Amino acid sequence: MITSIQDVNEVLSSFQHPLAQKWLGNDFIKKTIAVSYDYWLEDTNIPMTLDEFVLQYLDHAAYLGEMFDDD
């Protein structure tokens, strides 16, 4: 399965997190999360839902680089 920007959009829309609302308007961030999620599943074989994966991104945004930060 290939995760789409729309899949990430749906997950972000379900969170009441300030960054989630900000990221909804950034297709590059959504594509980055989608591709990272696909690689995570393929490379690790560790089961994780897209919701859980996106929540990790939100929780650790400060460590992911300027693009993801809450500025």
C-alpha atoms as a PDB file:
ATOM      1  CA  MET A   1       0.000   0.000   0.000  1.00  0.00           C
ATOM      2  CA  ILE A   2       1.176   3.508  -0.764  1.00  0.00           C
ATOM      3  CA  THR A   3       0.152   6.131   1.750  1.00  0.00           C
ATOM      4  CA  SER A   4      -1.262   9.259   0.146  1.00  0.00           C
ATOM      5  CA  ILE A   5      -1.289  12.898   1.124  1.00  0.00           C
ATOM      6  CA  GLN A   6      -5.048  12.492   1.561  1.00  0.00           C
ATOM      7  CA  ASP A   7      -4.493   9.661   4.068  1.00  0.00           C
ATOM      8  CA  VAL A   8      -2.219  11.920   6.120  1.00  0.00           C
ATOM      9  CA  ASN A   9      -4.667  14.800   5.719  1.00  0.00           C
ATOM     10  CA  GLU A  10      -7.458  12.694   7.226  1.00  0.00           C
ATOM     11  CA  VAL A  11      -5.305  11.760  10.199  1.00  0.00           C
ATOM     12  CA  LEU A  12      -4.131  15.320  10.805  1.00  0.00           C
ATOM     13  CA  SER A  13      -7.730  16.521  10.595  1.00  0.00           C
ATOM     14  CA  SER A  14      -8.682  14.169  13.411  1.00  0.00           C
ATOM     15  CA  PHE A  15      -6.145  15.649  15.870  1.00  0.00           C
ATOM     16  CA  GLN A  16      -6.788  18.785  17.930  1.00  0.00           C
ATOM     17  CA  HIS A  17      -3.093  19.625  17.979  1.00  0.00           C
ATOM     18  CA  PRO A  18      -1.904  23.107  16.917  1.00  0.00           C
ATOM     19  CA  LEU A  19       0.787  21.659  14.648  1.00  0.00           C
ATOM     20  CA  ALA A  20      -1.693  19.289  13.028  1.00  0.00           C
ATOM     21  CA  GLN A  21      -3.768  22.266  12.004  1.00  0.00           C
ATOM     22  CA  LYS A  22      -0.676  24.034  10.648  1.00  0.00           C
ATOM     23  CA  TRP A  23       0.524  20.955   8.747  1.00  0.00           C
ATOM     24  CA  LEU A  24      -2.852  20.539   7.063  1.00  0.00           C
ATOM     25  CA  GLY A  25      -1.913  23.449   4.828  1.00  0.00           C
ATOM     26  CA  ASN A  26       1.483  22.061   3.834  1.00  0.00           C
ATOM     27  CA  ASP A  27       1.440  19.344   1.170  1.00  0.00           C
ATOM     28  CA  PHE A  28       5.217  18.900   1.390  1.00  0.00           C
ATOM     29  CA  ILE A  29       4.994  17.954   5.073  1.00  0.00           C
ATOM     30  CA  LYS A  30       2.079  15.603   4.380  1.00  0.00           C
ATOM     31  CA  LYS A  31       3.988  13.917   1.529  1.00  0.00           C
ATOM     32  CA  THR A  32       7.085  13.598   3.724  1.00  0.00           C
ATOM     33  CA  ILE A  33       5.066  11.904   6.453  1.00  0.00           C
ATOM     34  CA  ALA A  34       3.352   9.587   3.941  1.00  0.00           C
ATOM     35  CA  VAL A  35       6.638   8.469   2.371  1.00  0.00           C
ATOM     36  CA  SER A  36       8.308   8.070   5.780  1.00  0.00           C
ATOM     37  CA  TYR A  37       5.421   5.936   6.987  1.00  0.00           C
ATOM     38  CA  ASP A  38       5.691   3.645   3.961  1.00  0.00           C
ATOM     39  CA  TYR A  39       9.446   3.248   4.511  1.00  0.00           C
ATOM     40  CA  TRP A  40       8.864   2.611   8.231  1.00  0.00           C
ATOM     41  CA  LEU A  41       6.480  -0.243   7.495  1.00  0.00           C
ATOM     42  CA  GLU A  42       8.694  -1.702   4.787  1.00  0.00           C
ATOM     43  CA  ASP A  43      12.004  -1.428   6.634  1.00  0.00           C
ATOM     44  CA  THR A  44      11.068  -2.250  10.214  1.00  0.00           C
ATOM     45  CA  ASN A  45       8.148  -4.671   9.951  1.00  0.00           C
ATOM     46  CA  ILE A  46       6.987  -3.081  13.206  1.00  0.00           C
ATOM     47  CA  PRO A  47       3.232  -2.614  13.049  1.00  0.00           C
ATOM     48  CA  MET A  48       2.108   0.952  13.640  1.00  0.00           C
ATOM     49  CA  THR A  49      -1.014   2.694  12.473  1.00  0.00           C
ATOM     50  CA  LEU A  50      -0.759   5.878  10.456  1.00  0.00           C
ATOM     51  CA  ASP A  51      -2.446   7.675  13.371  1.00  0.00           C
ATOM     52  CA  GLU A  52       0.294   6.514  15.744  1.00  0.00           C
ATOM     53  CA  PHE A  53       2.999   7.436  13.250  1.00  0.00           C
ATOM     54  CA  VAL A  54       1.642  10.957  12.718  1.00  0.00           C
ATOM     55  CA  LEU A  55       1.277  11.418  16.474  1.00  0.00           C
ATOM     56  CA  GLN A  56       4.981  10.599  16.862  1.00  0.00           C
ATOM     57  CA  TYR A  57       5.794  13.259  14.269  1.00  0.00           C
ATOM     58  CA  LEU A  58       3.674  15.763  16.182  1.00  0.00           C
ATOM     59  CA  ASP A  59       5.213  14.835  19.528  1.00  0.00           C
ATOM     60  CA  HIS A  60       8.786  15.099  18.216  1.00  0.00           C
ATOM     61  CA  ALA A  61       8.429  17.976  15.750  1.00  0.00           C
ATOM     62  CA  ALA A  62      11.117  20.021  17.483  1.00  0.00           C
ATOM     63  CA  TYR A  63      13.673  17.337  16.600  1.00  0.00           C
ATOM     64  CA  LEU A  64      12.613  16.908  12.970  1.00  0.00           C
ATOM     65  CA  GLY A  65      13.918  20.180  11.612  1.00  0.00           C
ATOM     66  CA  GLU A  66      12.773  23.698  11.031  1.00  0.00           C
ATOM     67  CA  MET A  67      10.078  22.789   8.511  1.00  0.00           C
ATOM     68  CA  PHE A  68       8.166  20.775  11.123  1.00  0.00           C
ATOM     69  CA  ASP A  69       8.701  23.120  14.053  1.00  0.00           C
ATOM     70  CA  ASP A  70       6.003  25.271  15.624  1.00  0.00           C
ATOM     71  CA  ASP A  71       7.225  28.670  14.445  1.00  0.00           C
END
